Amino acid sequence: MALALAAFATGCPHGATPQPSGPSPTVEQIVERLTSARAELRSFTGEALMEYWLDGNRFKGDVLAMGEVGAKVRIAALSPAGGSTLAEMACDGDRFVSINYQNNCMLTGPCNKQSIATFFGIELAPDDFLHLALGTPPVVAQAHGSVTWDAGAGVYRAVLEGSDGKQTIGIDARDQRWDVVDTELVGSDGKPVWSVKNGAFANAKDPSDKDHRVPGKSHFTTPDRQRADLTVEWRQRQVNVEIDPSKFKIDVPAGTPTCGKGAPARKP
């Protein structure tokens, strides 16, 4: 699956791809462009076909998702057998609640990178999860580095270093698209934090009729953990929509036991 996603992300050309005419983008231009695109996207709702790990088992099925800047996320995984909810998680900007209906248990705690980990096993801050889903990844703070043309992949390759670590970003700049086809973050300790490959980009209109480039397919991984990857194929998505704050809260049935501390245990 990862190889297939790498293929659609880069296009796997048979030969070297000519560099686009004109000057190469600078580090400053890349950071400014990605920061601007990130700032323009504040929320989304959608439905996707996802492959993910839940409680040590691999699932493939429909997932309903929504998010809003400010650590607000709601995810519901539907059963492939009939559409009933297998599990759901909500961050309301302060606290999160995650319910596993298969095991009839729940988890709760502060909204942080562990919130997403309780559901998908991938440690991402809620706002980073939102923006990685929209193709606008975070960029290391105080970024400096270099930009080269990767003829094999047909993308500009930015190698950035900053206070958060080292980040590589592959950008398809044809027709001024600036699609982030892949990016990887390695922490200041030298350990991989996360990586993502994107493909099948298309325009998504917001309520003001403005187009935003978003990926149709994505593959997230956290390389330092076993069974911590997520493949997403979006079926429909709306961006910059108004979302009722109550959608980011889950009422836990009385008497629901706690699943345990931290993310669900993974099978060896």
C-alpha atoms as a PDB file:
ATOM      1  CA  MET A   1       0.000   0.000   0.000  1.00  0.00           C
ATOM      2  CA  ALA A   2       2.788   2.428   0.908  1.00  0.00           C
ATOM      3  CA  LEU A   3       4.519   1.760  -2.402  1.00  0.00           C
ATOM      4  CA  ALA A   4       1.320   2.372  -4.310  1.00  0.00           C
ATOM      5  CA  LEU A   5       0.762   5.647  -2.507  1.00  0.00           C
ATOM      6  CA  ALA A   6       4.329   6.681  -3.206  1.00  0.00           C
ATOM      7  CA  ALA A   7       3.639   6.016  -6.865  1.00  0.00           C
ATOM      8  CA  PHE A   8       0.576   8.244  -7.097  1.00  0.00           C
ATOM      9  CA  ALA A   9       2.263  10.933  -4.994  1.00  0.00           C
ATOM     10  CA  THR A  10       5.327  11.259  -7.181  1.00  0.00           C
ATOM     11  CA  GLY A  11       4.023   9.994 -10.500  1.00  0.00           C
ATOM     12  CA  CYS A  12       6.979   7.570 -10.796  1.00  0.00           C
ATOM     13  CA  PRO A  13       8.303   9.032 -14.070  1.00  0.00           C
ATOM     14  CA  HIS A  14      10.397   6.748 -16.259  1.00  0.00           C
ATOM     15  CA  GLY A  15      13.005   9.437 -16.807  1.00  0.00           C
ATOM     16  CA  ALA A  16      14.150  12.758 -15.474  1.00  0.00           C
ATOM     17  CA  THR A  17      11.484  15.454 -15.433  1.00  0.00           C
ATOM     18  CA  PRO A  18      12.581  18.820 -16.833  1.00  0.00           C
ATOM     19  CA  GLN A  19      12.662  21.598 -14.275  1.00  0.00           C
ATOM     20  CA  PRO A  20       9.916  24.207 -14.783  1.00  0.00           C
ATOM     21  CA  SER A  21      11.074  27.409 -16.420  1.00  0.00           C
ATOM     22  CA  GLY A  22      11.821  30.366 -14.224  1.00  0.00           C
ATOM     23  CA  PRO A  23      13.681  30.678 -10.938  1.00  0.00           C
ATOM     24  CA  SER A  24      13.383  28.018  -8.257  1.00  0.00           C
ATOM     25  CA  PRO A  25      11.304  28.960  -5.203  1.00  0.00           C
ATOM     26  CA  THR A  26      13.266  30.073  -2.169  1.00  0.00           C
ATOM     27  CA  VAL A  27      12.883  28.706   1.342  1.00  0.00           C
ATOM     28  CA  GLU A  28      11.210  31.953   2.344  1.00  0.00           C
ATOM     29  CA  GLN A  29       8.688  31.687  -0.510  1.00  0.00           C
ATOM     30  CA  ILE A  30       7.845  28.081   0.339  1.00  0.00           C
ATOM     31  CA  VAL A  31       7.341  28.827   4.024  1.00  0.00           C
ATOM     32  CA  GLU A  32       5.231  31.902   3.226  1.00  0.00           C
ATOM     33  CA  ARG A  33       3.106  30.043   0.661  1.00  0.00           C
ATOM     34  CA  LEU A  34       2.437  27.042   2.907  1.00  0.00           C
ATOM     35  CA  THR A  35       1.789  29.223   5.946  1.00  0.00           C
ATOM     36  CA  SER A  36      -0.697  31.303   3.951  1.00  0.00           C
ATOM     37  CA  ALA A  37      -2.508  28.212   2.622  1.00  0.00           C
ATOM     38  CA  ARG A  38      -2.692  26.809   6.153  1.00  0.00           C
ATOM     39  CA  ALA A  39      -4.142  30.053   7.503  1.00  0.00           C
ATOM     40  CA  GLU A  40      -6.863  30.067   4.836  1.00  0.00           C
ATOM     41  CA  LEU A  41      -8.273  26.694   5.933  1.00  0.00           C
ATOM     42  CA  ARG A  42     -10.000  26.683   9.292  1.00  0.00           C
ATOM     43  CA  SER A  43     -12.461  23.757   9.171  1.00  0.00           C
ATOM     44  CA  PHE A  44     -13.710  20.777   7.194  1.00  0.00           C
ATOM     45  CA  THR A  45     -16.310  18.023   7.180  1.00  0.00           C
ATOM     46  CA  GLY A  46     -16.143  14.905   5.076  1.00  0.00           C
ATOM     47  CA  GLU A  47     -16.444  11.182   4.523  1.00  0.00           C
ATOM     48  CA  ALA A  48     -13.560   8.932   3.560  1.00  0.00           C
ATOM     49  CA  LEU A  49     -12.620   5.323   3.000  1.00  0.00           C
ATOM     50  CA  MET A  50      -9.832   4.639   5.472  1.00  0.00           C
ATOM     51  CA  GLU A  51      -7.500   1.801   6.356  1.00  0.00           C
ATOM     52  CA  TYR A  52      -6.286   2.058   9.936  1.00  0.00           C
ATOM     53  CA  TRP A  53      -5.339   0.170  13.074  1.00  0.00           C
ATOM     54  CA  LEU A  54      -7.844   0.019  15.924  1.00  0.00           C
ATOM     55  CA  ASP A  55      -7.163  -2.039  19.030  1.00  0.00           C
ATOM     56  CA  GLY A  56      -4.488  -4.060  17.243  1.00  0.00           C
ATOM     57  CA  ASN A  57      -6.716  -4.959  14.284  1.00  0.00           C
ATOM     58  CA  ARG A  58      -6.590  -3.623  10.739  1.00  0.00           C
ATOM     59  CA  PHE A  59      -9.850  -2.092   9.537  1.00  0.00           C
ATOM     60  CA  LYS A  60     -10.968  -0.737   6.204  1.00  0.00           C
ATOM     61  CA  GLY A  61     -14.217   1.141   6.069  1.00  0.00           C
ATOM     62  CA  ASP A  62     -16.040   4.433   5.968  1.00  0.00           C
ATOM     63  CA  VAL A  63     -15.054   7.125   8.432  1.00  0.00           C
ATOM     64  CA  LEU A  64     -16.913  10.372   9.060  1.00  0.00           C
ATOM     65  CA  ALA A  65     -14.642  13.225  10.096  1.00  0.00           C
ATOM     66  CA  MET A  66     -14.776  16.919  10.860  1.00  0.00           C
ATOM     67  CA  GLY A  67     -12.339  19.382  12.301  1.00  0.00           C
ATOM     68  CA  GLU A  68     -11.929  23.013  13.243  1.00  0.00           C
ATOM     69  CA  VAL A  69      -8.876  25.037  14.204  1.00  0.00           C
ATOM     70  CA  GLY A  70      -8.592  25.228  17.968  1.00  0.00           C
ATOM     71  CA  ALA A  71      -8.111  21.506  18.740  1.00  0.00           C
ATOM     72  CA  LYS A  72     -11.611  20.520  17.644  1.00  0.00           C
ATOM     73  CA  VAL A  73     -11.968  17.136  15.967  1.00  0.00           C
ATOM     74  CA  ARG A  74     -14.756  14.567  15.598  1.00  0.00           C
ATOM     75  CA  ILE A  75     -14.219  11.119  14.073  1.00  0.00           C
ATOM     76  CA  ALA A  76     -16.624   8.188  13.726  1.00  0.00           C
ATOM     77  CA  ALA A  77     -15.482   4.853  12.291  1.00  0.00           C
ATOM     78  CA  LEU A  78     -18.300   2.853  10.712  1.00  0.00           C
ATOM     79  CA  SER A  79     -18.414  -0.930  10.562  1.00  0.00           C
ATOM     80  CA  PRO A  80     -17.685  -2.439   7.110  1.00  0.00           C
ATOM     81  CA  ALA A  81     -20.408  -4.991   7.894  1.00  0.00           C
ATOM     82  CA  GLY A  82     -23.296  -2.603   8.136  1.00  0.00           C
ATOM     83  CA  GLY A  83     -22.536   1.013   8.928  1.00  0.00           C
ATOM     84  CA  SER A  84     -22.902   0.852  12.702  1.00  0.00           C
ATOM     85  CA  THR A  85     -20.328   2.876  14.656  1.00  0.00           C
ATOM     86  CA  LEU A  86     -17.252   0.913  15.744  1.00  0.00           C
ATOM     87  CA  ALA A  87     -15.641   3.791  17.597  1.00  0.00           C
ATOM     88  CA  GLU A  88     -15.750   7.551  17.820  1.00  0.00           C
ATOM     89  CA  MET A  89     -13.641  10.331  19.239  1.00  0.00           C
ATOM     90  CA  ALA A  90     -14.231  14.015  19.856  1.00  0.00           C
ATOM     91  CA  CYS A  91     -11.948  16.870  20.954  1.00  0.00           C
ATOM     92  CA  ASP A  92     -13.802  20.030  21.981  1.00  0.00           C
ATOM     93  CA  GLY A  93     -10.702  22.220  22.275  1.00  0.00           C
ATOM     94  CA  ASP A  94     -10.161  21.325  25.920  1.00  0.00           C
ATOM     95  CA  ARG A  95     -11.002  17.681  26.606  1.00  0.00           C
ATOM     96  CA  PHE A  96     -11.364  14.611  24.436  1.00  0.00           C
ATOM     97  CA  VAL A  97     -13.622  11.583  24.708  1.00  0.00           C
ATOM     98  CA  SER A  98     -12.991   8.352  22.805  1.00  0.00           C
ATOM     99  CA  ILE A  99     -15.464   5.455  22.884  1.00  0.00           C
ATOM    100  CA  ASN A 100     -14.697   1.956  21.639  1.00  0.00           C
ATOM    101  CA  TYR A 101     -18.087   0.327  21.085  1.00  0.00           C
ATOM    102  CA  GLN A 102     -16.529  -3.042  20.270  1.00  0.00           C
ATOM    103  CA  ASN A 103     -15.028  -3.313  23.733  1.00  0.00           C
ATOM    104  CA  ASN A 104     -17.655  -1.136  25.431  1.00  0.00           C
ATOM    105  CA  CYS A 105     -15.113   1.174  27.015  1.00  0.00           C
ATOM    106  CA  MET A 106     -13.987   4.782  26.898  1.00  0.00           C
ATOM    107  CA  LEU A 107     -11.011   7.082  27.333  1.00  0.00           C
ATOM    108  CA  THR A 108     -10.905  10.768  28.202  1.00  0.00           C
ATOM    109  CA  GLY A 109      -8.286  13.418  28.849  1.00  0.00           C
ATOM    110  CA  PRO A 110      -6.891  16.731  27.571  1.00  0.00           C
ATOM    111  CA  CYS A 111      -6.936  17.562  23.841  1.00  0.00           C
ATOM    112  CA  ASN A 112      -3.379  16.937  22.667  1.00  0.00           C
ATOM    113  CA  LYS A 113      -1.444  14.607  20.367  1.00  0.00           C
ATOM    114  CA  GLN A 114      -2.473  11.641  22.500  1.00  0.00           C
ATOM    115  CA  SER A 115      -6.120  12.304  21.595  1.00  0.00           C
ATOM    116  CA  ILE A 116      -5.616  11.217  17.979  1.00  0.00           C
ATOM    117  CA  ALA A 117      -3.374   8.359  19.155  1.00  0.00           C
ATOM    118  CA  THR A 118      -6.195   6.845  21.199  1.00  0.00           C
ATOM    119  CA  PHE A 119      -8.118   6.407  17.945  1.00  0.00           C
ATOM    120  CA  PHE A 120      -5.645   5.824  15.106  1.00  0.00           C
ATOM    121  CA  GLY A 121      -2.430   5.157  17.022  1.00  0.00           C
ATOM    122  CA  ILE A 122      -0.796   8.151  15.325  1.00  0.00           C
ATOM    123  CA  GLU A 123       0.414  10.905  17.635  1.00  0.00           C
ATOM    124  CA  LEU A 124      -0.638  14.184  16.041  1.00  0.00           C
ATOM    125  CA  ALA A 125      -1.860  17.381  17.621  1.00  0.00           C
ATOM    126  CA  PRO A 126      -5.541  17.880  16.687  1.00  0.00           C
ATOM    127  CA  ASP A 127      -4.795  20.966  14.559  1.00  0.00           C
ATOM    128  CA  ASP A 128      -1.954  19.137  12.779  1.00  0.00           C
ATOM    129  CA  PHE A 129      -4.311  16.243  12.046  1.00  0.00           C
ATOM    130  CA  LEU A 130      -6.765  18.703  10.501  1.00  0.00           C
ATOM    131  CA  HIS A 131      -4.155  20.379   8.315  1.00  0.00           C
ATOM    132  CA  LEU A 132      -2.433  17.186   7.240  1.00  0.00           C
ATOM    133  CA  ALA A 133      -5.862  15.978   6.106  1.00  0.00           C
ATOM    134  CA  LEU A 134      -6.209  19.182   4.052  1.00  0.00           C
ATOM    135  CA  GLY A 135      -2.733  19.059   2.521  1.00  0.00           C
ATOM    136  CA  THR A 136      -1.417  22.037   4.513  1.00  0.00           C
ATOM    137  CA  PRO A 137       1.171  20.467   6.829  1.00  0.00           C
ATOM    138  CA  PRO A 138       2.879  22.355   9.633  1.00  0.00           C
ATOM    139  CA  VAL A 139       6.333  23.750   8.854  1.00  0.00           C
ATOM    140  CA  VAL A 140       9.182  23.690  11.359  1.00  0.00           C
ATOM    141  CA  ALA A 141       9.580  26.927  13.289  1.00  0.00           C
ATOM    142  CA  GLN A 142      12.420  29.272  12.332  1.00  0.00           C
ATOM    143  CA  ALA A 143      12.916  27.299   9.120  1.00  0.00           C
ATOM    144  CA  HIS A 144      16.119  27.624   7.120  1.00  0.00           C
ATOM    145  CA  GLY A 145      17.647  25.301   4.561  1.00  0.00           C
ATOM    146  CA  SER A 146      17.737  24.701   0.834  1.00  0.00           C
ATOM    147  CA  VAL A 147      15.538  23.951  -2.184  1.00  0.00           C
ATOM    148  CA  THR A 148      16.577  21.717  -5.089  1.00  0.00           C
ATOM    149  CA  TRP A 149      14.857  20.234  -8.138  1.00  0.00           C
ATOM    150  CA  ASP A 150      14.149  16.503  -7.784  1.00  0.00           C
ATOM    151  CA  ALA A 151      14.047  15.418 -11.424  1.00  0.00           C
ATOM    152  CA  GLY A 152      13.207  11.815 -10.567  1.00  0.00           C
ATOM    153  CA  ALA A 153      10.034  12.798  -8.715  1.00  0.00           C
ATOM    154  CA  GLY A 154       9.283  15.942 -10.709  1.00  0.00           C
ATOM    155  CA  VAL A 155       9.046  18.117  -7.600  1.00  0.00           C
ATOM    156  CA  TYR A 156      10.932  20.839  -5.793  1.00  0.00           C
ATOM    157  CA  ARG A 157      12.488  19.322  -2.693  1.00  0.00           C
ATOM    158  CA  ALA A 158      12.846  21.610   0.323  1.00  0.00           C
ATOM    159  CA  VAL A 159      15.084  20.496   3.182  1.00  0.00           C
ATOM    160  CA  LEU A 160      14.364  22.646   6.212  1.00  0.00           C
ATOM    161  CA  GLU A 161      15.817  22.794   9.696  1.00  0.00           C
ATOM    162  CA  GLY A 162      14.357  24.597  12.668  1.00  0.00           C
ATOM    163  CA  SER A 163      13.700  24.412  16.379  1.00  0.00           C
ATOM    164  CA  ASP A 164      11.313  21.445  15.878  1.00  0.00           C
ATOM    165  CA  GLY A 165      13.829  19.362  13.949  1.00  0.00           C
ATOM    166  CA  LYS A 166      14.404  18.639  10.267  1.00  0.00           C
ATOM    167  CA  GLN A 167      11.664  18.554   7.635  1.00  0.00           C
ATOM    168  CA  THR A 168      11.640  17.591   3.962  1.00  0.00           C
ATOM    169  CA  ILE A 169       8.831  18.774   1.684  1.00  0.00           C
ATOM    170  CA  GLY A 170       8.149  17.755  -1.912  1.00  0.00           C
ATOM    171  CA  ILE A 171       6.175  20.375  -3.859  1.00  0.00           C
ATOM    172  CA  ASP A 172       4.493  19.984  -7.233  1.00  0.00           C
ATOM    173  CA  ALA A 173       4.683  23.566  -8.499  1.00  0.00           C
ATOM    174  CA  ARG A 174       3.248  22.992 -11.984  1.00  0.00           C
ATOM    175  CA  ASP A 175       0.777  25.690 -13.019  1.00  0.00           C
ATOM    176  CA  GLN A 176       1.389  27.425  -9.675  1.00  0.00           C
ATOM    177  CA  ARG A 177      -0.315  24.561  -7.837  1.00  0.00           C
ATOM    178  CA  TRP A 178       2.098  24.190  -4.916  1.00  0.00           C
ATOM    179  CA  ASP A 179       0.707  20.771  -3.972  1.00  0.00           C
ATOM    180  CA  VAL A 180       2.562  19.138  -1.060  1.00  0.00           C
ATOM    181  CA  VAL A 181       2.989  15.613  -2.416  1.00  0.00           C
ATOM    182  CA  ASP A 182       5.084  14.411   0.513  1.00  0.00           C
ATOM    183  CA  THR A 183       6.591  15.686   3.723  1.00  0.00           C
ATOM    184  CA  GLU A 184       8.444  14.151   6.643  1.00  0.00           C
ATOM    185  CA  LEU A 185       9.407  15.519  10.053  1.00  0.00           C
ATOM    186  CA  VAL A 186      12.382  14.236  12.024  1.00  0.00           C
ATOM    187  CA  GLY A 187      12.631  15.560  15.563  1.00  0.00           C
ATOM    188  CA  SER A 188      15.582  17.421  17.017  1.00  0.00           C
ATOM    189  CA  ASP A 189      16.585  14.109  18.628  1.00  0.00           C
ATOM    190  CA  GLY A 190      16.998  12.540  15.176  1.00  0.00           C
ATOM    191  CA  LYS A 191      13.940  10.286  15.493  1.00  0.00           C
ATOM    192  CA  PRO A 192      11.158  10.279  12.847  1.00  0.00           C
ATOM    193  CA  VAL A 193       7.985  11.985  14.073  1.00  0.00           C
ATOM    194  CA  TRP A 194       5.591  11.571  11.136  1.00  0.00           C
ATOM    195  CA  SER A 195       5.440  11.438   7.365  1.00  0.00           C
ATOM    196  CA  VAL A 196       2.669  11.863   4.808  1.00  0.00           C
ATOM    197  CA  LYS A 197       2.275  11.232   1.081  1.00  0.00           C
ATOM    198  CA  ASN A 198      -0.536  12.943  -0.844  1.00  0.00           C
ATOM    199  CA  GLY A 199      -2.039  12.490  -4.291  1.00  0.00           C
ATOM    200  CA  ALA A 200      -5.144  12.977  -6.448  1.00  0.00           C
ATOM    201  CA  PHE A 201      -5.281  16.705  -5.678  1.00  0.00           C
ATOM    202  CA  ALA A 202      -8.397  18.637  -6.615  1.00  0.00           C
ATOM    203  CA  ASN A 203     -10.060  21.966  -5.861  1.00  0.00           C
ATOM    204  CA  ALA A 204     -12.504  22.262  -2.974  1.00  0.00           C
ATOM    205  CA  LYS A 205     -14.696  25.359  -2.841  1.00  0.00           C
ATOM    206  CA  ASP A 206     -15.467  27.112   0.408  1.00  0.00           C
ATOM    207  CA  PRO A 207     -18.756  28.954   1.088  1.00  0.00           C
ATOM    208  CA  SER A 208     -17.304  32.117  -0.494  1.00  0.00           C
ATOM    209  CA  ASP A 209     -16.720  30.142  -3.733  1.00  0.00           C
ATOM    210  CA  LYS A 210     -12.943  30.271  -3.345  1.00  0.00           C
ATOM    211  CA  ASP A 211     -10.960  27.228  -4.482  1.00  0.00           C
ATOM    212  CA  HIS A 212      -8.514  25.450  -2.187  1.00  0.00           C
ATOM    213  CA  ARG A 213      -6.217  22.649  -3.338  1.00  0.00           C
ATOM    214  CA  VAL A 214      -6.711  19.539  -1.203  1.00  0.00           C
ATOM    215  CA  PRO A 215      -5.471  15.946  -1.606  1.00  0.00           C
ATOM    216  CA  GLY A 216      -7.904  13.201  -2.526  1.00  0.00           C
ATOM    217  CA  LYS A 217      -5.643  10.478  -1.125  1.00  0.00           C
ATOM    218  CA  SER A 218      -3.182  10.494   1.763  1.00  0.00           C
ATOM    219  CA  HIS A 219      -1.010   8.060   3.652  1.00  0.00           C
ATOM    220  CA  PHE A 220       0.151   9.009   7.168  1.00  0.00           C
ATOM    221  CA  THR A 221       2.805   7.139   9.126  1.00  0.00           C
ATOM    222  CA  THR A 222       4.665   7.492  12.389  1.00  0.00           C
ATOM    223  CA  PRO A 223       7.757   5.415  11.537  1.00  0.00           C
ATOM    224  CA  ASP A 224       8.989   4.941  15.095  1.00  0.00           C
ATOM    225  CA  ARG A 225       5.905   2.936  16.095  1.00  0.00           C
ATOM    226  CA  GLN A 226       4.624  -0.424  14.924  1.00  0.00           C
ATOM    227  CA  ARG A 227       1.248  -0.525  13.236  1.00  0.00           C
ATOM    228  CA  ALA A 228       0.837   3.230  13.227  1.00  0.00           C
ATOM    229  CA  ASP A 229      -0.261   4.206   9.749  1.00  0.00           C
ATOM    230  CA  LEU A 230      -3.416   5.549   8.180  1.00  0.00           C
ATOM    231  CA  THR A 231      -4.521   5.495   4.534  1.00  0.00           C
ATOM    232  CA  VAL A 232      -7.281   7.903   3.478  1.00  0.00           C
ATOM    233  CA  GLU A 233      -9.282   8.181   0.272  1.00  0.00           C
ATOM    234  CA  TRP A 234     -11.718  11.067   0.499  1.00  0.00           C
ATOM    235  CA  ARG A 235     -15.180  10.570  -0.984  1.00  0.00           C
ATOM    236  CA  GLN A 236     -16.527  14.016  -0.220  1.00  0.00           C
ATOM    237  CA  ARG A 237     -15.307  17.045   1.705  1.00  0.00           C
ATOM    238  CA  GLN A 238     -16.352  20.601   2.460  1.00  0.00           C
ATOM    239  CA  VAL A 239     -13.940  23.241   3.709  1.00  0.00           C
ATOM    240  CA  ASN A 240     -14.324  26.373   5.842  1.00  0.00           C
ATOM    241  CA  VAL A 241     -17.848  25.408   6.871  1.00  0.00           C
ATOM    242  CA  GLU A 242     -19.549  26.525  10.067  1.00  0.00           C
ATOM    243  CA  ILE A 243     -19.770  23.631  12.560  1.00  0.00           C
ATOM    244  CA  ASP A 244     -22.041  23.560  15.601  1.00  0.00           C
ATOM    245  CA  PRO A 245     -19.767  23.400  18.708  1.00  0.00           C
ATOM    246  CA  SER A 246     -21.950  20.624  20.121  1.00  0.00           C
ATOM    247  CA  LYS A 247     -20.689  18.350  17.321  1.00  0.00           C
ATOM    248  CA  PHE A 248     -17.329  18.191  19.102  1.00  0.00           C
ATOM    249  CA  LYS A 249     -18.805  16.663  22.263  1.00  0.00           C
ATOM    250  CA  ILE A 250     -19.816  13.064  22.967  1.00  0.00           C
ATOM    251  CA  ASP A 251     -22.188  12.002  25.704  1.00  0.00           C
ATOM    252  CA  VAL A 252     -20.744   8.908  27.363  1.00  0.00           C
ATOM    253  CA  PRO A 253     -23.318   6.309  28.408  1.00  0.00           C
ATOM    254  CA  ALA A 254     -23.525   6.010  32.188  1.00  0.00           C
ATOM    255  CA  GLY A 255     -21.430   3.205  33.610  1.00  0.00           C
ATOM    256  CA  THR A 256     -19.078   2.886  30.637  1.00  0.00           C
ATOM    257  CA  PRO A 257     -15.765   1.521  31.974  1.00  0.00           C
ATOM    258  CA  THR A 258     -12.377   3.036  31.175  1.00  0.00           C
ATOM    259  CA  CYS A 259     -10.377   1.229  28.480  1.00  0.00           C
ATOM    260  CA  GLY A 260      -7.082   1.941  30.238  1.00  0.00           C
ATOM    261  CA  LYS A 261      -4.438   4.611  30.187  1.00  0.00           C
ATOM    262  CA  GLY A 262      -2.886   5.877  26.948  1.00  0.00           C
ATOM    263  CA  ALA A 263      -3.502   4.537  23.473  1.00  0.00           C
ATOM    264  CA  PRO A 264      -5.166   1.125  23.006  1.00  0.00           C
ATOM    265  CA  ALA A 265      -2.701  -1.721  23.359  1.00  0.00           C
ATOM    266  CA  ARG A 266      -1.248  -3.059  20.122  1.00  0.00           C
ATOM    267  CA  LYS A 267      -0.951  -6.765  19.461  1.00  0.00           C
ATOM    268  CA  PRO A 268       2.659  -7.912  18.930  1.00  0.00           C
END
